[in-house]
Amino acid sequence: MILKWLNFNRKICIVFVLSISPFIVSTAQNGYDVRVEKYNSTWQKLIPRYMKMQYAGGMGFLSLGTGWDYGKNKQWETDVFMEYLPKFSTDNSKITFTLRQNFMPWNTKINDKFSFEPLATGLYVNTILGDDFWVHEPDRYPKGYYGFSTKMRFNIYAGQRITYNIPHDKRSIAKSFTFYYEISSNDLYLVNAFTDSYWGPKNYLRLSFGIKMQIL
């Protein structure tokens, strides 16, 4: 009788272990999968979503950049640009770097292929690479002689955009192209505009054009 009882209980234990083992494995796998998904999702957010090319705008003669769009309606953008500045008043050409934050509050759909953003605005700061420029005045100048940085400029802009959305079956390297223009100014120009009566809009405003290729 004792042996029969032990065999019966052993069968119950085996059946019980076999019945709950899939849940144990599933729970372990789900926990691992969740961690992997979060890890991949975090890294995927760091992948640039688009490429940009811009002419003028106080950043350089020609600017190449990339960035990320986000928000409920993708109304926010963060750009990073590298620009080429040909020699003008200096002996050598220069390279500049720009970090920019954009905001597009409205997006109007024209048809299945085109959409229009009546307002694009933002702020950006750019710096020029080279030892000939500074953030703080060098000691060789009297204190307050310049009163501003020659290395960094803070800018503000406003403009408009129109986007061509490529049909899904015809996409290869991009999903859309956006063409835009901007009118911008920087901190130094605006100070001169308010303090110098001879400065008109053509002196402190700049016009630029660009194209954005949406990759993701």
C-alpha atoms as a PDB file:
ATOM      1  CA  MET A   1       0.000   0.000   0.000  1.00  0.00           C
ATOM      2  CA  ILE A   2       2.788   2.401   0.890  1.00  0.00           C
ATOM      3  CA  LEU A   3       4.526   1.792  -2.463  1.00  0.00           C
ATOM      4  CA  LYS A   4       1.277   2.370  -4.342  1.00  0.00           C
ATOM      5  CA  TRP A   5       0.701   5.613  -2.435  1.00  0.00           C
ATOM      6  CA  LEU A   6       4.237   6.840  -3.186  1.00  0.00           C
ATOM      7  CA  ASN A   7       3.932   5.977  -6.884  1.00  0.00           C
ATOM      8  CA  PHE A   8       0.589   7.755  -7.065  1.00  0.00           C
ATOM      9  CA  ASN A   9       1.932  10.916  -5.443  1.00  0.00           C
ATOM     10  CA  ARG A  10       5.032  10.848  -7.648  1.00  0.00           C
ATOM     11  CA  LYS A  11       2.812  10.773 -10.746  1.00  0.00           C
ATOM     12  CA  ILE A  12       0.817  13.738  -9.415  1.00  0.00           C
ATOM     13  CA  CYS A  13       4.034  15.705  -8.804  1.00  0.00           C
ATOM     14  CA  ILE A  14       5.335  14.917 -12.288  1.00  0.00           C
ATOM     15  CA  VAL A  15       2.055  15.964 -13.873  1.00  0.00           C
ATOM     16  CA  PHE A  16       2.011  19.181 -11.817  1.00  0.00           C
ATOM     17  CA  VAL A  17       5.612  20.108 -12.731  1.00  0.00           C
ATOM     18  CA  LEU A  18       5.008  19.395 -16.405  1.00  0.00           C
ATOM     19  CA  SER A  19       1.821  21.473 -16.356  1.00  0.00           C
ATOM     20  CA  ILE A  20       3.435  24.601 -14.854  1.00  0.00           C
ATOM     21  CA  SER A  21       6.817  24.367 -16.627  1.00  0.00           C
ATOM     22  CA  PRO A  22       5.580  26.096 -19.828  1.00  0.00           C
ATOM     23  CA  PHE A  23       4.423  29.046 -17.714  1.00  0.00           C
ATOM     24  CA  ILE A  24       7.799  29.256 -15.975  1.00  0.00           C
ATOM     25  CA  VAL A  25       9.676  29.176 -19.290  1.00  0.00           C
ATOM     26  CA  SER A  26       7.203  31.600 -20.872  1.00  0.00           C
ATOM     27  CA  THR A  27       7.589  34.061 -17.991  1.00  0.00           C
ATOM     28  CA  ALA A  28      11.386  33.924 -18.225  1.00  0.00           C
ATOM     29  CA  GLN A  29      11.318  34.380 -21.991  1.00  0.00           C
ATOM     30  CA  ASN A  30       8.832  37.231 -21.786  1.00  0.00           C
ATOM     31  CA  GLY A  31      10.947  39.076 -19.241  1.00  0.00           C
ATOM     32  CA  TYR A  32      14.023  38.669 -21.415  1.00  0.00           C
ATOM     33  CA  ASP A  33      12.162  39.673 -24.554  1.00  0.00           C
ATOM     34  CA  VAL A  34      10.869  42.806 -22.861  1.00  0.00           C
ATOM     35  CA  ARG A  35      14.386  43.843 -21.851  1.00  0.00           C
ATOM     36  CA  VAL A  36      15.725  43.195 -25.354  1.00  0.00           C
ATOM     37  CA  GLU A  37      12.857  45.145 -26.896  1.00  0.00           C
ATOM     38  CA  LYS A  38      13.502  48.131 -24.612  1.00  0.00           C
ATOM     39  CA  TYR A  39      17.215  47.960 -25.361  1.00  0.00           C
ATOM     40  CA  ASN A  40      16.658  47.875 -29.122  1.00  0.00           C
ATOM     41  CA  SER A  41      14.020  50.595 -28.922  1.00  0.00           C
ATOM     42  CA  THR A  42      16.413  52.918 -27.066  1.00  0.00           C
ATOM     43  CA  TRP A  43      19.146  52.485 -29.660  1.00  0.00           C
ATOM     44  CA  GLN A  44      16.715  52.814 -32.568  1.00  0.00           C
ATOM     45  CA  LYS A  45      15.678  56.232 -31.270  1.00  0.00           C
ATOM     46  CA  LEU A  46      19.277  57.392 -31.726  1.00  0.00           C
ATOM     47  CA  ILE A  47      19.236  56.592 -35.441  1.00  0.00           C
ATOM     48  CA  PRO A  48      18.853  59.827 -37.471  1.00  0.00           C
ATOM     49  CA  ARG A  49      15.484  60.076 -39.182  1.00  0.00           C
ATOM     50  CA  TYR A  50      16.437  62.399 -42.051  1.00  0.00           C
ATOM     51  CA  MET A  51      19.221  64.228 -43.886  1.00  0.00           C
ATOM     52  CA  LYS A  52      19.343  67.929 -44.767  1.00  0.00           C
ATOM     53  CA  MET A  53      21.247  70.212 -47.108  1.00  0.00           C
ATOM     54  CA  GLN A  54      20.995  73.981 -46.758  1.00  0.00           C
ATOM     55  CA  TYR A  55      22.356  76.978 -48.607  1.00  0.00           C
ATOM     56  CA  ALA A  56      23.240  80.114 -46.556  1.00  0.00           C
ATOM     57  CA  GLY A  57      21.464  81.023 -43.314  1.00  0.00           C
ATOM     58  CA  GLY A  58      24.441  82.301 -41.358  1.00  0.00           C
ATOM     59  CA  MET A  59      25.819  78.796 -40.891  1.00  0.00           C
ATOM     60  CA  GLY A  60      28.032  78.582 -43.958  1.00  0.00           C
ATOM     61  CA  PHE A  61      27.953  78.626 -47.716  1.00  0.00           C
ATOM     62  CA  LEU A  62      26.707  75.011 -47.841  1.00  0.00           C
ATOM     63  CA  SER A  63      25.521  72.983 -44.852  1.00  0.00           C
ATOM     64  CA  LEU A  64      25.032  69.238 -44.533  1.00  0.00           C
ATOM     65  CA  GLY A  65      23.223  67.783 -41.568  1.00  0.00           C
ATOM     66  CA  THR A  66      21.071  65.131 -40.004  1.00  0.00           C
ATOM     67  CA  GLY A  67      18.536  64.980 -37.212  1.00  0.00           C
ATOM     68  CA  TRP A  68      15.562  63.557 -35.390  1.00  0.00           C
ATOM     69  CA  ASP A  69      11.845  64.389 -35.477  1.00  0.00           C
ATOM     70  CA  TYR A  70       9.464  63.623 -32.631  1.00  0.00           C
ATOM     71  CA  GLY A  71       6.257  64.679 -30.951  1.00  0.00           C
ATOM     72  CA  LYS A  72       2.680  63.555 -31.501  1.00  0.00           C
ATOM     73  CA  ASN A  73       2.626  64.957 -35.048  1.00  0.00           C
ATOM     74  CA  LYS A  74       6.379  65.065 -35.621  1.00  0.00           C
ATOM     75  CA  GLN A  75       6.232  68.800 -35.054  1.00  0.00           C
ATOM     76  CA  TRP A  76       9.627  68.975 -33.311  1.00  0.00           C
ATOM     77  CA  GLU A  77      13.044  68.521 -34.891  1.00  0.00           C
ATOM     78  CA  THR A  78      16.616  68.598 -33.636  1.00  0.00           C
ATOM     79  CA  ASP A  79      19.295  69.189 -36.297  1.00  0.00           C
ATOM     80  CA  VAL A  80      23.058  68.828 -36.278  1.00  0.00           C
ATOM     81  CA  PHE A  81      24.929  70.536 -39.123  1.00  0.00           C
ATOM     82  CA  MET A  82      28.480  70.767 -40.394  1.00  0.00           C
ATOM     83  CA  GLU A  83      29.110  73.653 -42.783  1.00  0.00           C
ATOM     84  CA  TYR A  84      31.731  74.899 -45.201  1.00  0.00           C
ATOM     85  CA  LEU A  85      32.611  78.588 -45.125  1.00  0.00           C
ATOM     86  CA  PRO A  86      34.805  79.679 -48.050  1.00  0.00           C
ATOM     87  CA  LYS A  87      37.541  82.216 -47.395  1.00  0.00           C
ATOM     88  CA  PHE A  88      36.188  85.716 -47.640  1.00  0.00           C
ATOM     89  CA  SER A  89      37.895  88.167 -45.296  1.00  0.00           C
ATOM     90  CA  THR A  90      40.377  85.564 -44.034  1.00  0.00           C
ATOM     91  CA  ASP A  91      43.202  83.662 -45.689  1.00  0.00           C
ATOM     92  CA  ASN A  92      41.677  80.198 -45.226  1.00  0.00           C
ATOM     93  CA  SER A  93      38.266  78.576 -45.547  1.00  0.00           C
ATOM     94  CA  LYS A  94      36.516  77.539 -42.333  1.00  0.00           C
ATOM     95  CA  ILE A  95      34.316  74.766 -40.954  1.00  0.00           C
ATOM     96  CA  THR A  96      31.382  75.604 -38.692  1.00  0.00           C
ATOM     97  CA  PHE A  97      29.146  73.468 -36.487  1.00  0.00           C
ATOM     98  CA  THR A  98      25.452  74.120 -35.759  1.00  0.00           C
ATOM     99  CA  LEU A  99      22.908  72.698 -33.305  1.00  0.00           C
ATOM    100  CA  ARG A 100      19.313  73.648 -34.106  1.00  0.00           C
ATOM    101  CA  GLN A 101      15.851  73.141 -32.623  1.00  0.00           C
ATOM    102  CA  ASN A 102      12.837  73.449 -34.967  1.00  0.00           C
ATOM    103  CA  PHE A 103       9.091  73.692 -34.368  1.00  0.00           C
ATOM    104  CA  MET A 104       6.311  73.330 -36.968  1.00  0.00           C
ATOM    105  CA  PRO A 105       2.933  73.902 -35.266  1.00  0.00           C
ATOM    106  CA  TRP A 106       0.730  73.122 -38.294  1.00  0.00           C
ATOM    107  CA  ASN A 107       0.795  70.675 -41.165  1.00  0.00           C
ATOM    108  CA  THR A 108      -1.802  71.034 -43.907  1.00  0.00           C
ATOM    109  CA  LYS A 109      -2.428  68.135 -46.279  1.00  0.00           C
ATOM    110  CA  ILE A 110      -2.839  69.333 -49.871  1.00  0.00           C
ATOM    111  CA  ASN A 111      -3.448  65.903 -51.437  1.00  0.00           C
ATOM    112  CA  ASP A 112      -2.093  62.350 -51.191  1.00  0.00           C
ATOM    113  CA  LYS A 113       1.382  63.453 -52.293  1.00  0.00           C
ATOM    114  CA  PHE A 114       1.856  66.989 -51.004  1.00  0.00           C
ATOM    115  CA  SER A 115       1.580  68.688 -47.621  1.00  0.00           C
ATOM    116  CA  PHE A 116       2.349  72.243 -46.515  1.00  0.00           C
ATOM    117  CA  GLU A 117       3.712  73.687 -43.270  1.00  0.00           C
ATOM    118  CA  PRO A 118       2.775  77.391 -43.198  1.00  0.00           C
ATOM    119  CA  LEU A 119       5.144  78.128 -40.317  1.00  0.00           C
ATOM    120  CA  ALA A 120       8.493  76.642 -39.381  1.00  0.00           C
ATOM    121  CA  THR A 121      10.431  78.422 -36.673  1.00  0.00           C
ATOM    122  CA  GLY A 122      13.280  77.736 -34.314  1.00  0.00           C
ATOM    123  CA  LEU A 123      16.510  78.630 -32.587  1.00  0.00           C
ATOM    124  CA  TYR A 124      20.051  77.563 -33.344  1.00  0.00           C
ATOM    125  CA  VAL A 125      23.567  78.172 -32.155  1.00  0.00           C
ATOM    126  CA  ASN A 126      26.593  77.824 -34.377  1.00  0.00           C
ATOM    127  CA  THR A 127      30.308  77.975 -33.736  1.00  0.00           C
ATOM    128  CA  ILE A 128      33.268  78.348 -36.052  1.00  0.00           C
ATOM    129  CA  LEU A 129      36.301  76.112 -35.685  1.00  0.00           C
ATOM    130  CA  GLY A 130      39.716  77.750 -35.510  1.00  0.00           C
ATOM    131  CA  ASP A 131      42.106  79.508 -33.139  1.00  0.00           C
ATOM    132  CA  ASP A 132      41.390  82.940 -34.635  1.00  0.00           C
ATOM    133  CA  PHE A 133      37.992  83.096 -32.889  1.00  0.00           C
ATOM    134  CA  TRP A 134      37.067  83.137 -29.214  1.00  0.00           C
ATOM    135  CA  VAL A 135      34.185  82.897 -26.764  1.00  0.00           C
ATOM    136  CA  HIS A 136      35.826  85.231 -24.232  1.00  0.00           C
ATOM    137  CA  GLU A 137      38.074  88.127 -25.193  1.00  0.00           C
ATOM    138  CA  PRO A 138      41.786  87.323 -25.130  1.00  0.00           C
ATOM    139  CA  ASP A 139      43.942  89.209 -22.644  1.00  0.00           C
ATOM    140  CA  ARG A 140      45.573  91.215 -25.429  1.00  0.00           C
ATOM    141  CA  TYR A 141      42.383  93.299 -25.756  1.00  0.00           C
ATOM    142  CA  PRO A 142      41.157  95.800 -23.148  1.00  0.00           C
ATOM    143  CA  LYS A 143      38.267  94.468 -21.083  1.00  0.00           C
ATOM    144  CA  GLY A 144      34.987  95.083 -22.905  1.00  0.00           C
ATOM    145  CA  TYR A 145      36.734  96.125 -26.138  1.00  0.00           C
ATOM    146  CA  TYR A 146      34.585  93.790 -28.243  1.00  0.00           C
ATOM    147  CA  GLY A 147      31.772  92.886 -25.870  1.00  0.00           C
ATOM    148  CA  PHE A 148      30.705  89.830 -27.848  1.00  0.00           C
ATOM    149  CA  SER A 149      31.951  86.401 -28.859  1.00  0.00           C
ATOM    150  CA  THR A 150      33.491  85.963 -32.288  1.00  0.00           C
ATOM    151  CA  LYS A 151      33.231  82.161 -32.051  1.00  0.00           C
ATOM    152  CA  MET A 152      29.526  81.615 -31.321  1.00  0.00           C
ATOM    153  CA  ARG A 153      26.332  83.126 -32.715  1.00  0.00           C
ATOM    154  CA  PHE A 154      22.781  82.621 -31.459  1.00  0.00           C
ATOM    155  CA  ASN A 155      20.165  82.684 -34.210  1.00  0.00           C
ATOM    156  CA  ILE A 156      16.407  82.780 -34.691  1.00  0.00           C
ATOM    157  CA  TYR A 157      14.460  82.034 -37.867  1.00  0.00           C
ATOM    158  CA  ALA A 158      11.012  81.650 -39.431  1.00  0.00           C
ATOM    159  CA  GLY A 159      10.047  80.092 -42.754  1.00  0.00           C
ATOM    160  CA  GLN A 160       7.744  77.727 -44.641  1.00  0.00           C
ATOM    161  CA  ARG A 161       7.925  74.187 -46.000  1.00  0.00           C
ATOM    162  CA  ILE A 162       6.309  72.011 -48.647  1.00  0.00           C
ATOM    163  CA  THR A 163       6.685  68.216 -48.629  1.00  0.00           C
ATOM    164  CA  TYR A 164       6.407  65.659 -51.403  1.00  0.00           C
ATOM    165  CA  ASN A 165       5.436  62.243 -50.011  1.00  0.00           C
ATOM    166  CA  ILE A 166       6.708  59.426 -52.221  1.00  0.00           C
ATOM    167  CA  PRO A 167       4.114  56.693 -52.893  1.00  0.00           C
ATOM    168  CA  HIS A 168       4.875  53.627 -50.802  1.00  0.00           C
ATOM    169  CA  ASP A 169       5.437  51.312 -53.777  1.00  0.00           C
ATOM    170  CA  LYS A 170       7.973  53.737 -55.310  1.00  0.00           C
ATOM    171  CA  ARG A 171      10.186  54.349 -52.256  1.00  0.00           C
ATOM    172  CA  SER A 172      13.821  53.347 -52.382  1.00  0.00           C
ATOM    173  CA  ILE A 173      16.131  55.532 -50.266  1.00  0.00           C
ATOM    174  CA  ALA A 174      13.568  57.989 -48.871  1.00  0.00           C
ATOM    175  CA  LYS A 175       9.888  58.315 -47.953  1.00  0.00           C
ATOM    176  CA  SER A 176       9.577  62.063 -48.622  1.00  0.00           C
ATOM    177  CA  PHE A 177      11.382  65.240 -49.662  1.00  0.00           C
ATOM    178  CA  THR A 178      10.755  68.616 -48.034  1.00  0.00           C
ATOM    179  CA  PHE A 179      11.718  71.919 -49.632  1.00  0.00           C
ATOM    180  CA  TYR A 180      11.942  74.997 -47.429  1.00  0.00           C
ATOM    181  CA  TYR A 181      13.086  78.568 -47.114  1.00  0.00           C
ATOM    182  CA  GLU A 182      13.985  80.533 -43.978  1.00  0.00           C
ATOM    183  CA  ILE A 183      14.523  84.164 -42.953  1.00  0.00           C
ATOM    184  CA  SER A 184      16.927  84.418 -40.039  1.00  0.00           C
ATOM    185  CA  SER A 185      19.017  86.766 -37.924  1.00  0.00           C
ATOM    186  CA  ASN A 186      21.495  86.443 -35.069  1.00  0.00           C
ATOM    187  CA  ASP A 187      22.113  88.147 -31.737  1.00  0.00           C
ATOM    188  CA  LEU A 188      24.792  90.517 -33.014  1.00  0.00           C
ATOM    189  CA  TYR A 189      22.757  91.600 -36.054  1.00  0.00           C
ATOM    190  CA  LEU A 190      19.669  92.268 -33.920  1.00  0.00           C
ATOM    191  CA  VAL A 191      21.655  94.401 -31.481  1.00  0.00           C
ATOM    192  CA  ASN A 192      22.994  96.454 -34.385  1.00  0.00           C
ATOM    193  CA  ALA A 193      19.500  96.757 -35.853  1.00  0.00           C
ATOM    194  CA  PHE A 194      18.206  98.370 -32.639  1.00  0.00           C
ATOM    195  CA  THR A 195      21.246 100.551 -31.950  1.00  0.00           C
ATOM    196  CA  ASP A 196      22.253 101.656 -35.447  1.00  0.00           C
ATOM    197  CA  SER A 197      19.664 103.613 -37.438  1.00  0.00           C
ATOM    198  CA  TYR A 198      21.532 102.943 -40.654  1.00  0.00           C
ATOM    199  CA  TRP A 199      20.926  99.209 -40.402  1.00  0.00           C
ATOM    200  CA  GLY A 200      17.934  98.160 -42.496  1.00  0.00           C
ATOM    201  CA  PRO A 201      16.346  94.701 -42.984  1.00  0.00           C
ATOM    202  CA  LYS A 202      18.812  93.853 -45.764  1.00  0.00           C
ATOM    203  CA  ASN A 203      21.618  94.240 -43.209  1.00  0.00           C
ATOM    204  CA  TYR A 204      20.285  92.074 -40.402  1.00  0.00           C
ATOM    205  CA  LEU A 205      18.037  89.529 -42.190  1.00  0.00           C
ATOM    206  CA  ARG A 206      19.294  86.543 -44.201  1.00  0.00           C
ATOM    207  CA  LEU A 207      17.509  84.290 -46.668  1.00  0.00           C
ATOM    208  CA  SER A 208      18.335  80.590 -46.955  1.00  0.00           C
ATOM    209  CA  PHE A 209      17.015  77.558 -48.845  1.00  0.00           C
ATOM    210  CA  GLY A 210      17.175  73.876 -48.045  1.00  0.00           C
ATOM    211  CA  ILE A 211      15.992  70.350 -48.730  1.00  0.00           C
ATOM    212  CA  LYS A 212      15.196  67.593 -46.265  1.00  0.00           C
ATOM    213  CA  MET A 213      15.229  63.906 -47.202  1.00  0.00           C
ATOM    214  CA  GLN A 214      13.125  61.837 -44.800  1.00  0.00           C
ATOM    215  CA  ILE A 215      14.701  58.393 -44.424  1.00  0.00           C
ATOM    216  CA  LEU A 216      12.640  56.824 -41.631  1.00  0.00           C
END
